[in-house]
Structure formats: C-alpha cells, structure tokens
C-alpha cells in the first residue's frame, strides 16, 4: 500500500505543478489586461485546486503508512533533533498544509470577487504565495525522489 501511495503522490506532483504554473500565468495575464474571466480560467483553477487536494489525501495516506512517521512517533529519538525525521514528520507536512490552505482561500476569494480583474488578481496573489510555500518543502535535492520508476 505504501509503495502505491508513494508512486501516485510522486507522479501527480507534476500535474499539480503544471496546473499551478498554467493557472498563475493565466491569472497574471488576466490581471494585467482587460480579459474576461472565462469558464476555461475557472476550470483550470478548479483542476489545480482539485489535484492539489488529491495530493493532500495521498500525502495523508503516506503519512500514516510511512516508516518515517512510525520512527518519528514511536521511536526513542526526538523528532526535532533528527533532521530527516523532522523534515518528513513536521516540516514537509506543515508547509504543504499551509500552502494548500493559502491556495484554497485564494480560490474562494476569487470565486466571490465581483470583477474579472479582481478574480485574476486574487488567484495570482494567493496561488503564487501558496505555490512558493509548497515549493519550499519539496525535496528537490534528492533526485531519486523526483522521478520514481
């Protein structure tokens, strides 16, 4: 079960990143011009947030089946004193939840905005901040984790 969740979580991340970049780009272009907020813009943002929520659910499954979590909460070592355990048990999880929350708030604020320009601007700000938070805790230095086969 752990391996299936790990592969799914690892590969869906690329869909999340592509949708994030696309949504932020369209929000930037829309906020700078007088473009209408179309059904396509709404769909891309919804796909981004929905895929992000799927990643969150897969991540929760990983968190509760991961050897890191078992070692972190069942071992003799203090989680905060062991860098690897701290990263996976605390930092990665906390920052991902924070990023998802920021992006979800942005989607809700954009939905309630009255003008198209305001919708684009809200998405641009919240999606960008949320993505930066998420990118800060992806293990980029571990190339074996980037593409799992």
Protein backbone atom coordinates (compact mmCIF):
# COMPACT_ATOMS: atom_id res chain seq x y z
CA UNK A 1 0.00 0.00 0.00
CA UNK A 2 2.80 2.40 0.92
CA UNK A 3 4.55 1.91 -2.45
CA UNK A 4 1.37 2.57 -4.43
CA UNK A 5 0.67 5.77 -2.49
CA UNK A 6 4.29 6.86 -2.85
CA UNK A 7 4.32 6.45 -6.64
CA UNK A 8 0.94 8.13 -7.06
CA UNK A 9 1.96 11.02 -4.82
CA UNK A 10 5.26 11.37 -6.65
CA UNK A 11 3.80 11.44 -10.16
CA UNK A 12 0.69 13.52 -9.51
CA UNK A 13 3.00 16.23 -8.18
CA UNK A 14 3.94 17.02 -11.78
CA UNK A 15 0.30 17.54 -12.74
CA UNK A 16 -0.07 19.87 -9.74
CA UNK A 17 2.99 21.87 -10.76
CA UNK A 18 1.92 22.15 -14.40
CA UNK A 19 -1.60 23.25 -13.43
CA UNK A 20 -0.16 25.70 -10.89
CA UNK A 21 2.13 27.35 -13.44
CA UNK A 22 -0.65 27.48 -16.04
CA UNK A 23 -3.15 28.94 -13.59
CA UNK A 24 -0.69 31.52 -12.26
CA UNK A 25 0.33 32.51 -15.79
CA UNK A 26 -3.30 32.94 -16.89
CA UNK A 27 -4.03 34.91 -13.72
CA UNK A 28 -1.05 37.18 -14.36
CA UNK A 29 -2.07 37.84 -17.96
CA UNK A 30 -5.70 38.35 -16.93
CA UNK A 31 -4.85 40.75 -14.11
CA UNK A 32 -2.68 42.91 -16.39
CA UNK A 33 -5.14 43.11 -19.26
CA UNK A 34 -8.85 43.59 -19.53
CA UNK A 35 -9.55 39.94 -20.25
CA UNK A 36 -12.77 38.24 -19.22
CA UNK A 37 -12.62 35.52 -16.56
CA UNK A 38 -13.85 32.65 -18.71
CA UNK A 39 -15.11 29.18 -17.98
CA UNK A 40 -11.69 27.92 -19.10
CA UNK A 41 -9.94 30.06 -16.45
CA UNK A 42 -12.32 28.78 -13.81
CA UNK A 43 -11.80 25.18 -14.94
CA UNK A 44 -8.01 25.41 -14.83
CA UNK A 45 -8.09 26.93 -11.34
CA UNK A 46 -10.56 24.26 -10.19
CA UNK A 47 -8.40 21.49 -11.68
CA UNK A 48 -5.36 22.92 -9.90
CA UNK A 49 -7.10 23.06 -6.53
CA UNK A 50 -8.76 19.67 -7.02
CA UNK A 51 -5.50 17.97 -7.98
CA UNK A 52 -3.82 19.64 -5.02
CA UNK A 53 -6.49 18.23 -2.71
CA UNK A 54 -5.96 14.78 -4.23
CA UNK A 55 -2.25 15.16 -3.47
CA UNK A 56 -3.16 16.07 0.10
CA UNK A 57 -5.23 12.91 0.51
CA UNK A 58 -2.45 10.77 -0.94
CA UNK A 59 0.01 12.54 1.36
CA UNK A 60 -2.18 11.78 4.38
CA UNK A 61 -2.22 8.14 3.39
CA UNK A 62 1.56 8.22 3.09
CA UNK A 63 1.91 9.97 6.41
CA UNK A 64 0.03 7.24 8.25
CA UNK A 65 1.74 4.34 6.45
CA UNK A 66 5.25 5.80 6.23
CA UNK A 67 8.22 4.36 8.08
CA UNK A 68 9.25 7.96 8.83
CA UNK A 69 6.05 8.56 10.76
CA UNK A 70 6.42 5.31 12.68
CA UNK A 71 10.01 6.17 13.57
CA UNK A 72 9.12 9.74 14.42
CA UNK A 73 6.28 8.97 16.79
CA UNK A 74 7.20 5.54 18.03
CA UNK A 75 10.96 5.71 18.34
CA UNK A 76 13.36 6.74 21.06
CA UNK A 77 14.76 9.69 19.13
CA UNK A 78 13.32 13.19 19.49
CA UNK A 79 11.76 14.20 16.18
CA UNK A 80 13.07 17.74 16.37
CA UNK A 81 16.67 16.61 16.96
CA UNK A 82 16.82 14.28 13.94
CA UNK A 83 16.82 16.34 10.69
CA UNK A 84 15.39 13.64 8.41
CA UNK A 85 12.57 12.75 10.80
CA UNK A 86 11.83 16.42 11.47
CA UNK A 87 11.65 17.16 7.74
CA UNK A 88 9.19 14.36 6.90
CA UNK A 89 7.19 14.30 10.13
CA UNK A 90 6.87 18.04 10.70
CA UNK A 91 8.26 20.46 8.08
CA UNK A 92 7.01 18.85 4.87
CA UNK A 93 3.55 18.15 6.23
CA UNK A 94 3.05 21.53 7.90
CA UNK A 95 4.21 23.56 4.91
CA UNK A 96 2.13 21.53 2.46
CA UNK A 97 -1.00 22.03 4.56
CA UNK A 98 -0.22 25.76 4.81
CA UNK A 99 0.29 26.03 1.04
CA UNK A 100 -2.92 24.14 0.29
CA UNK A 101 -4.84 26.34 2.73
CA UNK A 102 -3.49 29.53 1.13
CA UNK A 103 -4.39 28.31 -2.37
CA UNK A 104 -7.87 27.17 -1.27
CA UNK A 105 -8.52 30.55 0.35
CA UNK A 106 -7.42 32.26 -2.85
CA UNK A 107 -9.80 30.14 -4.93
CA UNK A 108 -12.68 31.01 -2.57
CA UNK A 109 -11.83 34.73 -2.63
CA UNK A 110 -11.60 34.69 -6.44
CA UNK A 111 -15.00 32.99 -6.62
CA UNK A 112 -16.54 35.78 -4.52
CA UNK A 113 -14.82 38.62 -6.38
CA UNK A 114 -17.15 40.83 -8.39
CA UNK A 115 -14.96 41.84 -11.33
CA UNK A 116 -12.91 39.66 -13.66
CA UNK A 117 -9.74 41.63 -12.96
CA UNK A 118 -10.24 41.15 -9.23
CA UNK A 119 -10.72 37.38 -9.71
CA UNK A 120 -7.47 37.13 -11.64
CA UNK A 121 -5.63 39.28 -9.09
CA UNK A 122 -6.83 37.22 -6.09
CA UNK A 123 -5.83 33.99 -7.81
CA UNK A 124 -2.46 35.40 -8.82
CA UNK A 125 -1.58 36.53 -5.30
CA UNK A 126 -2.84 33.52 -3.35
CA UNK A 127 -1.80 30.86 -5.86
CA UNK A 128 1.70 32.33 -6.15
CA UNK A 129 2.23 32.55 -2.38
CA UNK A 130 0.80 29.06 -1.86
CA UNK A 131 2.97 27.60 -4.61
CA UNK A 132 6.10 29.21 -3.14
CA UNK A 133 5.28 27.70 0.25
CA UNK A 134 4.81 24.27 -1.34
CA UNK A 135 7.97 24.54 -3.46
CA UNK A 136 9.98 25.40 -0.35
CA UNK A 137 9.42 21.92 1.08
CA UNK A 138 9.63 19.64 -1.95
CA UNK A 139 12.81 17.54 -1.61
CA UNK A 140 14.48 18.94 -4.75
CA UNK A 141 17.96 17.86 -3.73
CA UNK A 142 17.06 14.19 -3.72
CA UNK A 143 16.92 13.42 -7.44
CA UNK A 144 15.82 9.83 -6.85
CA UNK A 145 12.61 11.20 -5.37
CA UNK A 146 11.80 13.42 -8.36
CA UNK A 147 11.00 10.61 -10.79
CA UNK A 148 10.03 7.28 -9.30
CA UNK A 149 10.02 4.29 -11.60
